[in-house]
């Protein structure tokens, strides 16, 4: 598995600091469990944050030059036990584990609800803020999610299959990060259904009135 698209450094830092909306954090957590590169970045972020907190309140910077300070941070990281791609977790650990359980047999165990022809979804968690959620979506080959923008940030992680949109091609393990201004129409280009974990802070805003009406009914 070759992962091309990753969370931004700012997103990984926010996740390590525990400041992400829980629904969004869940998607990052799942990506960390699939991507050793980002799990390593998360380790550095957590360790660096701990090092900075350790020196909080000091009127002077830590002793030593930059190389010596970095060496101490590296030493701190080396002392962090059990932090690997498989153990990268946040407060959403229980929900994260439940997702993988639901995805046994390529998602057949998920209690899917039909959204429209070729598109199914399942609510995983509701976020801490109004209109925020994390859902599993299953898109059949060739299907497009109607064009939409977002009420806030939207994170997506591909778990099976692949899709393409205005920002690129996304396959298993790839992470998409979109803000409220981004408009797209994802289309499945794989021969198998595309299953994605998607979180939206503020919901989805479809462009066509009929889709907007349906999304309000479904709580999207």
N, C-alpha and C. Protein backbone atom coordinates (compact mmCIF):
# COMPACT_ATOMS: atom_id res chain seq x y z
N UNK A 1 0.85 -1.20 0.00
CA UNK A 1 0.00 0.00 0.00
C UNK A 1 0.88 1.25 0.00
N UNK A 2 0.72 2.07 -1.01
CA UNK A 2 1.46 3.32 -1.10
C UNK A 2 0.50 4.48 -0.83
N UNK A 3 0.75 5.20 0.25
CA UNK A 3 -0.11 6.32 0.62
C UNK A 3 0.49 7.60 0.06
N UNK A 4 -0.30 8.32 -0.69
CA UNK A 4 0.17 9.54 -1.35
C UNK A 4 -0.26 10.80 -0.61
N UNK A 5 -1.49 10.80 -0.11
CA UNK A 5 -2.06 11.99 0.52
C UNK A 5 -2.11 11.82 2.03
N UNK A 6 -1.58 12.82 2.75
CA UNK A 6 -1.48 12.76 4.20
C UNK A 6 -2.10 14.00 4.84
N UNK A 7 -2.40 13.94 6.13
CA UNK A 7 -2.84 15.16 6.84
C UNK A 7 -1.73 16.21 6.82
N UNK A 8 -2.11 17.47 6.88
CA UNK A 8 -1.12 18.54 6.96
C UNK A 8 -0.40 18.46 8.30
N UNK A 9 0.78 19.08 8.37
CA UNK A 9 1.52 19.12 9.63
C UNK A 9 0.71 19.79 10.72
N UNK A 10 -0.03 20.85 10.36
CA UNK A 10 -0.85 21.54 11.35
C UNK A 10 -1.93 20.62 11.92
N UNK A 11 -2.50 19.77 11.05
CA UNK A 11 -3.54 18.85 11.51
C UNK A 11 -2.96 17.80 12.44
N UNK A 12 -1.78 17.29 12.11
CA UNK A 12 -1.13 16.30 12.98
C UNK A 12 -0.78 16.93 14.33
N UNK A 13 -0.32 18.17 14.32
CA UNK A 13 -0.02 18.86 15.57
C UNK A 13 -1.27 19.05 16.41
N UNK A 14 -2.37 19.48 15.76
CA UNK A 14 -3.63 19.69 16.48
C UNK A 14 -4.15 18.37 17.04
N UNK A 15 -3.99 17.30 16.28
CA UNK A 15 -4.42 15.98 16.77
C UNK A 15 -3.60 15.56 17.99
N UNK A 16 -2.29 15.76 17.92
CA UNK A 16 -1.42 15.40 19.04
C UNK A 16 -1.75 16.23 20.28
N UNK A 17 -2.16 17.49 20.05
CA UNK A 17 -2.49 18.38 21.17
C UNK A 17 -3.90 18.14 21.70
N UNK A 18 -4.70 17.35 20.99
CA UNK A 18 -6.06 17.07 21.43
C UNK A 18 -7.04 18.20 21.21
N UNK A 19 -6.76 19.06 20.21
CA UNK A 19 -7.62 20.22 19.99
C UNK A 19 -8.55 20.06 18.79
N UNK A 20 -8.50 18.93 18.09
CA UNK A 20 -9.39 18.72 16.96
C UNK A 20 -10.80 18.36 17.42
N UNK A 21 -11.79 18.78 16.63
CA UNK A 21 -13.15 18.30 16.82
C UNK A 21 -13.10 16.77 16.84
N UNK A 22 -13.78 16.12 17.80
CA UNK A 22 -13.68 14.66 17.94
C UNK A 22 -13.97 13.88 16.67
N UNK A 23 -14.96 14.31 15.90
CA UNK A 23 -15.27 13.59 14.66
C UNK A 23 -14.09 13.65 13.69
N UNK A 24 -13.46 14.81 13.59
CA UNK A 24 -12.29 14.95 12.73
C UNK A 24 -11.11 14.15 13.27
N UNK A 25 -10.94 14.18 14.59
CA UNK A 25 -9.83 13.46 15.22
C UNK A 25 -9.92 11.96 14.94
N UNK A 26 -11.14 11.45 14.85
CA UNK A 26 -11.31 10.03 14.60
C UNK A 26 -10.71 9.63 13.25
N UNK A 27 -10.89 10.46 12.24
CA UNK A 27 -10.36 10.16 10.92
C UNK A 27 -8.83 10.21 10.93
N UNK A 28 -8.26 11.19 11.63
CA UNK A 28 -6.81 11.27 11.74
C UNK A 28 -6.25 10.05 12.46
N UNK A 29 -6.92 9.64 13.53
CA UNK A 29 -6.48 8.48 14.29
C UNK A 29 -6.42 7.24 13.40
N UNK A 30 -7.44 7.05 12.57
CA UNK A 30 -7.45 5.89 11.67
C UNK A 30 -6.32 5.98 10.65
N UNK A 31 -6.05 7.19 10.18
CA UNK A 31 -4.96 7.34 9.22
C UNK A 31 -3.62 6.99 9.88
N UNK A 32 -3.42 7.43 11.11
CA UNK A 32 -2.18 7.14 11.82
C UNK A 32 -1.97 5.63 11.97
N UNK A 33 -3.06 4.90 12.13
CA UNK A 33 -2.97 3.45 12.28
C UNK A 33 -2.60 2.77 10.97
N UNK A 34 -2.74 3.49 9.85
CA UNK A 34 -2.44 2.93 8.53
C UNK A 34 -1.13 3.47 7.96
N UNK A 35 -0.63 4.57 8.51
CA UNK A 35 0.50 5.28 7.90
C UNK A 35 1.64 5.46 8.91
N UNK A 36 2.71 4.71 8.73
CA UNK A 36 3.84 4.80 9.64
C UNK A 36 4.50 6.17 9.60
N UNK A 37 4.51 6.80 8.42
CA UNK A 37 5.14 8.12 8.28
C UNK A 37 4.44 9.15 9.16
N UNK A 38 3.11 9.18 9.11
CA UNK A 38 2.37 10.16 9.91
C UNK A 38 2.35 9.79 11.39
N UNK A 39 2.38 8.49 11.68
CA UNK A 39 2.47 8.07 13.09
C UNK A 39 3.77 8.57 13.70
N UNK A 40 4.85 8.54 12.91
CA UNK A 40 6.14 9.04 13.40
C UNK A 40 6.06 10.55 13.63
N UNK A 41 5.42 11.27 12.70
CA UNK A 41 5.24 12.71 12.89
C UNK A 41 4.44 12.99 14.16
N UNK A 42 3.44 12.16 14.40
CA UNK A 42 2.62 12.35 15.60
C UNK A 42 3.45 12.13 16.86
N UNK A 43 4.34 11.15 16.83
CA UNK A 43 5.23 10.91 17.98
C UNK A 43 6.08 12.13 18.26
N UNK A 44 6.65 12.69 17.19
CA UNK A 44 7.47 13.88 17.35
C UNK A 44 6.66 15.05 17.90
N UNK A 45 5.45 15.21 17.39
CA UNK A 45 4.60 16.32 17.83
C UNK A 45 4.27 16.19 19.30
N UNK A 46 3.91 14.98 19.72
CA UNK A 46 3.56 14.77 21.13
C UNK A 46 4.77 14.97 22.02
N UNK A 47 5.92 14.45 21.59
CA UNK A 47 7.12 14.59 22.41
C UNK A 47 7.60 16.03 22.47
N UNK A 48 7.54 16.73 21.34
CA UNK A 48 7.96 18.12 21.32
C UNK A 48 7.05 18.97 22.20
N UNK A 49 5.73 18.69 22.11
CA UNK A 49 4.79 19.42 22.97
C UNK A 49 5.08 19.18 24.43
N UNK A 50 5.42 17.93 24.78
CA UNK A 50 5.77 17.64 26.16
C UNK A 50 7.02 18.36 26.60
N UNK A 51 8.01 18.44 25.69
CA UNK A 51 9.26 19.13 26.03
C UNK A 51 9.00 20.62 26.26
N UNK A 52 8.13 21.21 25.42
CA UNK A 52 7.82 22.63 25.59
C UNK A 52 7.07 22.88 26.89
N UNK A 53 6.14 21.98 27.23
CA UNK A 53 5.40 22.13 28.49
C UNK A 53 6.33 22.00 29.69
N UNK A 54 7.32 21.15 29.55
CA UNK A 54 8.27 20.94 30.64
C UNK A 54 9.00 22.22 31.00
N UNK A 55 9.22 23.07 29.98
CA UNK A 55 9.95 24.31 30.19
C UNK A 55 9.02 25.52 30.32
N UNK A 56 7.70 25.28 30.31
CA UNK A 56 6.76 26.40 30.43
C UNK A 56 6.95 27.08 31.78
N UNK A 57 6.89 28.38 31.77
CA UNK A 57 7.04 29.13 33.00
C UNK A 57 8.46 29.56 33.30
N UNK A 58 9.42 29.01 32.52
CA UNK A 58 10.80 29.43 32.71
C UNK A 58 11.00 30.78 32.02
N UNK A 59 11.69 31.68 32.67
CA UNK A 59 11.92 33.00 32.11
C UNK A 59 12.98 32.98 31.03
N UNK A 60 13.81 31.93 31.01
CA UNK A 60 14.87 31.82 30.00
C UNK A 60 14.67 30.54 29.21
N UNK A 61 15.18 30.51 27.97
CA UNK A 61 15.03 29.31 27.16
C UNK A 61 15.86 28.18 27.72
N UNK A 62 15.59 26.94 27.29
CA UNK A 62 16.37 25.81 27.76
C UNK A 62 17.86 26.03 27.50
N UNK A 63 18.69 25.50 28.38
CA UNK A 63 20.13 25.67 28.24
C UNK A 63 20.63 24.90 27.04
N UNK A 64 21.72 25.44 26.43
CA UNK A 64 22.35 24.74 25.33
C UNK A 64 21.95 25.34 24.00
N UNK A 65 22.73 25.00 22.96
CA UNK A 65 22.40 25.50 21.64
C UNK A 65 21.29 24.66 21.03
N UNK A 66 20.89 25.03 19.80
CA UNK A 66 19.75 24.37 19.17
C UNK A 66 19.99 22.87 19.01
N UNK A 67 21.21 22.49 18.64
CA UNK A 67 21.50 21.08 18.44
C UNK A 67 21.37 20.30 19.74
N UNK A 68 21.81 20.92 20.84
CA UNK A 68 21.72 20.24 22.13
C UNK A 68 20.27 20.09 22.58
N UNK A 69 19.48 21.14 22.34
CA UNK A 69 18.06 21.07 22.69
C UNK A 69 17.38 19.99 21.87
N UNK A 70 17.68 19.93 20.55
CA UNK A 70 17.09 18.92 19.69
C UNK A 70 17.49 17.52 20.14
N UNK A 71 18.72 17.38 20.58
CA UNK A 71 19.19 16.08 21.05
C UNK A 71 18.40 15.64 22.28
N UNK A 72 18.09 16.61 23.17
CA UNK A 72 17.30 16.26 24.35
C UNK A 72 15.89 15.86 23.96
N UNK A 73 15.32 16.55 22.95
CA UNK A 73 13.97 16.19 22.48
C UNK A 73 13.99 14.78 21.91
N UNK A 74 15.03 14.47 21.11
CA UNK A 74 15.15 13.13 20.55
C UNK A 74 15.25 12.08 21.65
N UNK A 75 15.98 12.41 22.72
CA UNK A 75 16.11 11.49 23.83
C UNK A 75 14.76 11.27 24.49
N UNK A 76 13.98 12.35 24.58
CA UNK A 76 12.64 12.24 25.18
C UNK A 76 11.77 11.33 24.33
N UNK A 77 11.88 11.49 23.00
CA UNK A 77 11.09 10.66 22.11
C UNK A 77 11.45 9.19 22.29
N UNK A 78 12.76 8.93 22.39
CA UNK A 78 13.22 7.56 22.54
C UNK A 78 12.66 6.92 23.80
N UNK A 79 12.32 7.75 24.79
CA UNK A 79 11.78 7.23 26.03
C UNK A 79 10.28 7.03 26.03
N UNK A 80 9.64 7.45 24.94
CA UNK A 80 8.19 7.25 24.84
C UNK A 80 7.95 5.81 24.42
N UNK A 81 7.32 5.02 25.27
CA UNK A 81 7.15 3.60 24.97
C UNK A 81 5.79 3.32 24.36
N UNK A 82 5.76 2.36 23.48
CA UNK A 82 4.49 1.86 22.95
C UNK A 82 3.80 2.77 21.98
N UNK A 83 4.47 3.75 21.42
CA UNK A 83 3.83 4.64 20.46
C UNK A 83 4.20 4.18 19.07
N UNK A 84 3.31 3.46 18.41
CA UNK A 84 3.53 2.95 17.07
C UNK A 84 2.31 3.26 16.23
N UNK A 85 2.35 2.90 14.95
CA UNK A 85 1.20 3.14 14.09
C UNK A 85 -0.02 2.41 14.62
N UNK A 86 0.19 1.21 15.18
CA UNK A 86 -0.95 0.43 15.65
C UNK A 86 -1.48 0.93 16.99
N UNK A 87 -0.63 1.66 17.74
CA UNK A 87 -1.07 2.09 19.06
C UNK A 87 -1.39 3.57 19.11
N UNK A 88 -1.27 4.28 17.96
CA UNK A 88 -1.60 5.70 17.93
C UNK A 88 -3.10 5.86 18.18
N UNK A 89 -3.45 6.50 19.25
CA UNK A 89 -4.85 6.59 19.65
C UNK A 89 -5.13 7.95 20.29
N UNK A 90 -6.41 8.35 20.29
CA UNK A 90 -6.84 9.49 21.07
C UNK A 90 -8.09 9.07 21.83
N UNK A 91 -8.89 10.02 22.28
CA UNK A 91 -10.06 9.68 23.06
C UNK A 91 -11.11 8.92 22.26
N UNK A 92 -10.94 8.82 20.96
CA UNK A 92 -11.89 8.13 20.11
C UNK A 92 -11.51 6.66 19.91
N UNK A 93 -10.67 6.12 20.76
CA UNK A 93 -10.16 4.76 20.56
C UNK A 93 -11.30 3.75 20.43
N UNK A 94 -12.29 3.83 21.30
CA UNK A 94 -13.37 2.86 21.27
C UNK A 94 -14.12 2.92 19.94
N UNK A 95 -14.42 4.13 19.49
CA UNK A 95 -15.11 4.28 18.22
C UNK A 95 -14.24 3.80 17.07
N UNK A 96 -12.96 4.10 17.14
CA UNK A 96 -12.04 3.68 16.09
C UNK A 96 -12.02 2.16 15.98
N UNK A 97 -11.94 1.47 17.10
CA UNK A 97 -11.93 0.01 17.08
C UNK A 97 -13.24 -0.52 16.53
N UNK A 98 -14.34 0.15 16.86
CA UNK A 98 -15.65 -0.30 16.38
C UNK A 98 -15.74 -0.20 14.86
N UNK A 99 -15.09 0.83 14.29
CA UNK A 99 -15.10 0.97 12.84
C UNK A 99 -14.47 -0.24 12.19
N UNK A 100 -13.30 -0.64 12.69
CA UNK A 100 -12.61 -1.79 12.09
C UNK A 100 -13.43 -3.05 12.25
N UNK A 101 -14.13 -3.19 13.36
CA UNK A 101 -14.98 -4.36 13.55
C UNK A 101 -16.11 -4.36 12.52
N UNK A 102 -16.69 -3.20 12.27
CA UNK A 102 -17.76 -3.09 11.28
C UNK A 102 -17.26 -3.38 9.87
N UNK A 103 -15.98 -3.12 9.64
CA UNK A 103 -15.45 -3.28 8.29
C UNK A 103 -14.97 -4.69 7.96
N UNK A 104 -15.18 -5.63 8.86
CA UNK A 104 -14.88 -7.01 8.53
C UNK A 104 -15.71 -7.43 7.32
N UNK A 105 -15.15 -8.29 6.50
CA UNK A 105 -15.83 -8.76 5.28
C UNK A 105 -16.12 -7.60 4.34
N UNK A 106 -15.14 -6.70 4.22
CA UNK A 106 -15.22 -5.58 3.27
C UNK A 106 -16.44 -4.70 3.50
N UNK A 107 -16.82 -4.54 4.74
CA UNK A 107 -17.92 -3.63 5.05
C UNK A 107 -19.28 -4.27 5.04
N UNK A 108 -19.36 -5.58 4.81
CA UNK A 108 -20.67 -6.24 4.74
C UNK A 108 -21.39 -6.23 6.08
N UNK A 109 -20.64 -6.11 7.19
CA UNK A 109 -21.26 -6.12 8.51
C UNK A 109 -21.80 -4.75 8.91
N UNK A 110 -21.52 -3.72 8.12
CA UNK A 110 -21.99 -2.37 8.46
C UNK A 110 -23.49 -2.27 8.18
N UNK A 111 -24.28 -1.75 9.11
CA UNK A 111 -25.72 -1.57 8.88
C UNK A 111 -25.98 -0.35 7.98
N UNK A 112 -25.69 -0.51 6.70
CA UNK A 112 -25.77 0.61 5.77
C UNK A 112 -27.21 1.11 5.62
N UNK A 113 -27.30 2.42 5.41
CA UNK A 113 -28.56 3.06 5.03
C UNK A 113 -28.38 3.68 3.66
N UNK A 114 -29.38 3.50 2.80
CA UNK A 114 -29.28 4.05 1.45
C UNK A 114 -29.45 5.56 1.48
N UNK A 115 -28.53 6.26 0.82
CA UNK A 115 -28.62 7.70 0.69
C UNK A 115 -29.26 8.07 -0.63
N UNK A 116 -28.77 7.46 -1.68
CA UNK A 116 -29.34 7.57 -3.02
C UNK A 116 -28.82 6.39 -3.81
N UNK A 117 -29.18 6.25 -5.05
CA UNK A 117 -28.76 5.10 -5.83
C UNK A 117 -27.23 4.98 -5.86
N UNK A 118 -26.72 3.86 -5.35
CA UNK A 118 -25.30 3.61 -5.37
C UNK A 118 -24.51 4.21 -4.24
N UNK A 119 -25.18 4.90 -3.30
CA UNK A 119 -24.49 5.54 -2.17
C UNK A 119 -25.18 5.14 -0.88
N UNK A 120 -24.40 4.57 0.05
CA UNK A 120 -24.91 4.20 1.36
C UNK A 120 -24.05 4.85 2.43
N UNK A 121 -24.63 4.99 3.62
CA UNK A 121 -23.86 5.61 4.72
C UNK A 121 -24.25 4.98 6.04
N UNK A 122 -23.39 5.21 7.02
CA UNK A 122 -23.65 4.77 8.39
C UNK A 122 -23.04 5.77 9.35
N UNK A 123 -23.85 6.32 10.25
CA UNK A 123 -23.35 7.28 11.24
C UNK A 123 -22.50 6.56 12.27
N UNK A 124 -21.25 7.03 12.44
CA UNK A 124 -20.34 6.44 13.42
C UNK A 124 -20.42 7.20 14.73
N UNK A 125 -20.19 8.52 14.68
CA UNK A 125 -20.34 9.35 15.87
C UNK A 125 -20.87 10.72 15.47
N UNK A 126 -21.55 11.35 16.40
CA UNK A 126 -21.88 12.76 16.27
C UNK A 126 -20.78 13.57 16.94
N UNK A 127 -20.40 14.68 16.34
CA UNK A 127 -19.33 15.49 16.87
C UNK A 127 -19.76 16.31 18.07
N UNK A 128 -18.80 17.04 18.62
CA UNK A 128 -19.07 17.87 19.79
C UNK A 128 -19.78 19.16 19.42
N UNK A 129 -19.66 19.58 18.16
CA UNK A 129 -20.30 20.82 17.72
C UNK A 129 -21.50 20.50 16.84
N UNK A 130 -22.42 21.43 16.78
CA UNK A 130 -23.67 21.23 16.03
C UNK A 130 -23.38 20.91 14.56
N UNK A 131 -24.01 19.85 14.07
CA UNK A 131 -23.88 19.49 12.67
C UNK A 131 -22.61 18.75 12.31
N UNK A 132 -21.80 18.40 13.32
CA UNK A 132 -20.56 17.68 13.05
C UNK A 132 -20.77 16.19 13.25
N UNK A 133 -20.12 15.38 12.42
CA UNK A 133 -20.29 13.94 12.49
C UNK A 133 -19.15 13.23 11.77
N UNK A 134 -19.04 11.93 12.05
CA UNK A 134 -18.17 11.05 11.29
C UNK A 134 -19.04 9.89 10.81
N UNK A 135 -18.94 9.58 9.52
CA UNK A 135 -19.75 8.52 8.91
C UNK A 135 -18.90 7.65 8.01
N UNK A 136 -19.35 6.43 7.87
CA UNK A 136 -18.82 5.56 6.84
C UNK A 136 -19.70 5.72 5.61
N UNK A 137 -19.08 5.82 4.45
CA UNK A 137 -19.81 5.87 3.19
C UNK A 137 -19.34 4.72 2.32
N UNK A 138 -20.28 4.13 1.57
CA UNK A 138 -19.93 3.14 0.56
C UNK A 138 -20.52 3.60 -0.77
N UNK A 139 -19.60 3.82 -1.72
CA UNK A 139 -19.98 4.28 -3.05
C UNK A 139 -19.71 3.17 -4.05
N UNK A 140 -20.71 2.85 -4.86
CA UNK A 140 -20.53 1.82 -5.86
C UNK A 140 -19.66 2.33 -7.02
N UNK A 141 -19.00 1.44 -7.75
CA UNK A 141 -18.14 1.85 -8.85
C UNK A 141 -18.86 2.78 -9.83
N UNK A 142 -18.18 3.85 -10.23
CA UNK A 142 -18.72 4.80 -11.19
C UNK A 142 -19.63 5.86 -10.61
N UNK A 143 -19.98 5.73 -9.33
CA UNK A 143 -20.92 6.67 -8.70
C UNK A 143 -20.19 7.95 -8.28
N UNK A 144 -20.90 9.06 -8.35
CA UNK A 144 -20.38 10.35 -7.89
C UNK A 144 -21.23 10.87 -6.74
N UNK A 145 -20.58 11.40 -5.72
CA UNK A 145 -21.30 12.11 -4.68
C UNK A 145 -21.64 13.49 -5.23
N UNK A 146 -22.91 13.91 -5.17
CA UNK A 146 -23.28 15.20 -5.76
C UNK A 146 -22.37 16.34 -5.30
N UNK A 147 -22.15 17.28 -6.19
CA UNK A 147 -21.26 18.41 -5.91
C UNK A 147 -21.70 19.13 -4.63
N UNK A 148 -20.71 19.46 -3.81
CA UNK A 148 -21.02 20.07 -2.52
C UNK A 148 -19.83 20.84 -1.98
N UNK A 149 -20.13 21.72 -1.04
CA UNK A 149 -19.13 22.38 -0.21
C UNK A 149 -19.36 21.90 1.21
N UNK A 150 -18.79 22.61 2.18
CA UNK A 150 -18.85 22.12 3.56
C UNK A 150 -19.13 23.26 4.52
N UNK A 151 -19.74 22.91 5.66
CA UNK A 151 -19.99 23.90 6.69
C UNK A 151 -18.76 24.21 7.52
N UNK A 152 -17.74 23.43 7.33
CA UNK A 152 -16.47 23.59 8.05
C UNK A 152 -15.47 22.65 7.42
N UNK A 153 -14.48 22.21 8.18
CA UNK A 153 -13.49 21.27 7.65
C UNK A 153 -14.13 19.91 7.39
N UNK A 154 -13.62 19.24 6.35
CA UNK A 154 -14.04 17.87 6.04
C UNK A 154 -12.78 17.02 5.86
N UNK A 155 -12.70 15.91 6.59
CA UNK A 155 -11.60 14.96 6.45
C UNK A 155 -12.18 13.66 5.90
N UNK A 156 -11.45 13.04 4.98
CA UNK A 156 -11.88 11.76 4.42
C UNK A 156 -10.70 10.81 4.34
N UNK A 157 -10.94 9.55 4.66
CA UNK A 157 -9.92 8.51 4.61
C UNK A 157 -10.47 7.33 3.82
N UNK A 158 -9.75 6.93 2.78
CA UNK A 158 -10.20 5.80 1.95
C UNK A 158 -9.79 4.49 2.63
N UNK A 159 -10.79 3.61 2.81
CA UNK A 159 -10.55 2.31 3.43
C UNK A 159 -10.60 1.17 2.43
N UNK A 160 -11.27 1.39 1.31
CA UNK A 160 -11.39 0.37 0.27
C UNK A 160 -11.68 1.08 -1.05
N UNK A 161 -11.12 0.58 -2.15
CA UNK A 161 -11.38 1.19 -3.45
C UNK A 161 -10.65 2.51 -3.62
N UNK A 162 -11.18 3.35 -4.50
CA UNK A 162 -10.55 4.64 -4.75
C UNK A 162 -11.55 5.60 -5.40
N UNK A 163 -11.22 6.89 -5.34
CA UNK A 163 -12.04 7.90 -6.00
C UNK A 163 -11.15 9.03 -6.50
N UNK A 164 -11.72 9.87 -7.33
CA UNK A 164 -11.00 11.02 -7.86
C UNK A 164 -11.89 12.25 -7.73
N UNK A 165 -11.29 13.40 -7.42
CA UNK A 165 -12.03 14.65 -7.43
C UNK A 165 -11.10 15.76 -7.91
N UNK A 166 -11.52 17.00 -7.73
CA UNK A 166 -10.75 18.13 -8.24
C UNK A 166 -9.36 18.26 -7.63
N UNK A 167 -9.14 17.65 -6.49
CA UNK A 167 -7.85 17.78 -5.81
C UNK A 167 -6.90 16.62 -6.08
N UNK A 168 -7.38 15.55 -6.73
CA UNK A 168 -6.48 14.45 -7.03
C UNK A 168 -7.15 13.09 -6.95
N UNK A 169 -6.30 12.05 -6.93
CA UNK A 169 -6.76 10.66 -6.87
C UNK A 169 -6.46 10.10 -5.48
N UNK A 170 -7.44 9.41 -4.91
CA UNK A 170 -7.32 8.92 -3.53
C UNK A 170 -7.61 7.43 -3.50
N UNK A 171 -6.63 6.67 -3.00
CA UNK A 171 -6.76 5.22 -2.86
C UNK A 171 -6.64 4.85 -1.38
N UNK A 172 -6.56 3.55 -1.10
CA UNK A 172 -6.58 3.08 0.29
C UNK A 172 -5.47 3.74 1.11
N UNK A 173 -5.87 4.30 2.25
CA UNK A 173 -4.93 4.97 3.16
C UNK A 173 -4.79 6.45 2.92
N UNK A 174 -5.21 6.92 1.74
CA UNK A 174 -5.08 8.35 1.43
C UNK A 174 -6.06 9.18 2.26
N UNK A 175 -5.58 10.36 2.63
CA UNK A 175 -6.31 11.27 3.52
C UNK A 175 -6.59 12.56 2.77
N UNK A 176 -7.85 12.97 2.77
CA UNK A 176 -8.25 14.22 2.11
C UNK A 176 -8.65 15.23 3.16
N UNK A 177 -8.24 16.46 2.94
CA UNK A 177 -8.51 17.55 3.89
C UNK A 177 -9.08 18.73 3.10
N UNK A 178 -10.34 19.08 3.36
CA UNK A 178 -10.99 20.16 2.61
C UNK A 178 -11.57 21.17 3.59
N UNK A 179 -11.55 22.45 3.18
CA UNK A 179 -12.15 23.48 4.03
C UNK A 179 -13.52 23.87 3.48
N UNK A 180 -14.14 24.85 4.10
CA UNK A 180 -15.51 25.22 3.74
C UNK A 180 -15.62 25.79 2.33
N UNK A 181 -14.53 26.31 1.80
CA UNK A 181 -14.59 26.95 0.48
C UNK A 181 -14.43 25.96 -0.66
N UNK A 182 -14.00 24.73 -0.36
CA UNK A 182 -13.69 23.78 -1.42
C UNK A 182 -14.95 23.10 -1.94
N UNK A 183 -15.17 23.16 -3.25
CA UNK A 183 -16.31 22.51 -3.89
C UNK A 183 -15.80 21.33 -4.71
N UNK A 184 -16.43 20.17 -4.53
CA UNK A 184 -15.97 19.00 -5.28
C UNK A 184 -17.11 18.01 -5.51
N UNK A 185 -16.83 17.09 -6.43
CA UNK A 185 -17.78 16.04 -6.81
C UNK A 185 -17.01 14.72 -6.93
N UNK A 186 -16.73 14.07 -5.80
CA UNK A 186 -15.93 12.84 -5.83
C UNK A 186 -16.60 11.75 -6.67
N UNK A 187 -15.80 11.06 -7.48
CA UNK A 187 -16.30 10.00 -8.34
C UNK A 187 -15.46 8.75 -8.15
N UNK A 188 -16.12 7.62 -7.91
CA UNK A 188 -15.41 6.36 -7.71
C UNK A 188 -14.85 5.88 -9.05
N UNK A 189 -13.54 5.58 -9.05
CA UNK A 189 -12.91 5.09 -10.28
C UNK A 189 -12.36 3.68 -10.12
N UNK A 190 -12.65 3.03 -8.99
CA UNK A 190 -12.20 1.67 -8.77
C UNK A 190 -13.25 0.68 -9.25
N UNK A 191 -12.82 -0.57 -9.46
CA UNK A 191 -13.75 -1.61 -9.91
C UNK A 191 -14.54 -2.19 -8.75
N UNK A 192 -14.13 -1.87 -7.53
CA UNK A 192 -14.85 -2.33 -6.34
C UNK A 192 -15.44 -1.10 -5.65
N UNK A 193 -16.44 -1.30 -4.79
CA UNK A 193 -17.00 -0.14 -4.07
C UNK A 193 -15.93 0.60 -3.29
N UNK A 194 -16.07 1.90 -3.21
CA UNK A 194 -15.17 2.73 -2.41
C UNK A 194 -15.81 2.95 -1.05
N UNK A 195 -15.12 2.53 -0.01
CA UNK A 195 -15.57 2.76 1.36
C UNK A 195 -14.66 3.81 1.98
N UNK A 196 -15.25 4.85 2.51
CA UNK A 196 -14.47 5.94 3.08
C UNK A 196 -15.05 6.35 4.43
N UNK A 197 -14.16 6.68 5.34
CA UNK A 197 -14.55 7.29 6.62
C UNK A 197 -14.45 8.79 6.43
N UNK A 198 -15.57 9.48 6.57
CA UNK A 198 -15.63 10.91 6.32
C UNK A 198 -16.17 11.62 7.55
N UNK A 199 -15.50 12.70 7.93
CA UNK A 199 -15.97 13.54 9.03
C UNK A 199 -16.16 14.96 8.53
N UNK A 200 -17.23 15.58 8.96
CA UNK A 200 -17.52 16.95 8.55
C UNK A 200 -17.85 17.78 9.79
N UNK A 201 -17.12 18.87 9.96
CA UNK A 201 -17.39 19.80 11.06
C UNK A 201 -18.31 20.90 10.51
N UNK A 202 -19.59 20.69 10.65
CA UNK A 202 -20.56 21.64 10.11
C UNK A 202 -21.39 21.08 8.99
N UNK A 203 -21.20 19.79 8.68
CA UNK A 203 -22.03 19.14 7.69
C UNK A 203 -21.62 19.41 6.25
N UNK A 204 -22.40 18.82 5.34
CA UNK A 204 -22.19 18.95 3.90
C UNK A 204 -23.24 19.88 3.33
N UNK A 205 -22.84 20.71 2.37
CA UNK A 205 -23.76 21.64 1.74
C UNK A 205 -23.84 21.35 0.25
N UNK A 206 -24.85 20.58 -0.14
CA UNK A 206 -25.02 20.23 -1.54
C UNK A 206 -25.48 21.44 -2.34
N UNK A 207 -25.08 21.48 -3.60
CA UNK A 207 -25.41 22.64 -4.43
C UNK A 207 -26.82 22.58 -4.99
N UNK A 208 -27.32 21.38 -5.32
CA UNK A 208 -28.66 21.27 -5.89
C UNK A 208 -29.71 21.25 -4.79
N UNK A 209 -30.81 21.99 -4.95
CA UNK A 209 -31.85 22.06 -3.90
C UNK A 209 -32.39 20.71 -3.48
N UNK A 210 -32.59 19.79 -4.43
CA UNK A 210 -33.14 18.49 -4.07
C UNK A 210 -32.20 17.71 -3.17
N UNK A 211 -30.89 17.86 -3.40
CA UNK A 211 -29.91 17.19 -2.55
C UNK A 211 -29.81 17.87 -1.19
N UNK A 212 -29.96 19.19 -1.17
CA UNK A 212 -29.94 19.89 0.12
C UNK A 212 -31.11 19.47 0.99
N UNK A 213 -32.29 19.31 0.39
CA UNK A 213 -33.46 18.90 1.13
C UNK A 213 -33.27 17.50 1.71
N UNK A 214 -32.72 16.59 0.90
CA UNK A 214 -32.48 15.22 1.37
C UNK A 214 -31.43 15.20 2.47
N UNK A 215 -30.41 16.04 2.35
CA UNK A 215 -29.35 16.05 3.37
C UNK A 215 -29.87 16.54 4.71
N UNK A 216 -30.78 17.50 4.70
CA UNK A 216 -31.36 17.97 5.97
C UNK A 216 -32.17 16.87 6.61
N UNK A 217 -32.89 16.13 5.81
CA UNK A 217 -33.70 15.03 6.33
C UNK A 217 -32.83 13.95 6.96
N UNK A 218 -31.68 13.70 6.35
CA UNK A 218 -30.79 12.64 6.82
C UNK A 218 -29.78 13.12 7.87
N UNK A 219 -29.78 14.42 8.15
CA UNK A 219 -28.86 14.97 9.14
C UNK A 219 -27.45 15.13 8.65
N UNK A 220 -27.28 15.28 7.31
CA UNK A 220 -25.96 15.48 6.74
C UNK A 220 -25.56 16.94 6.76
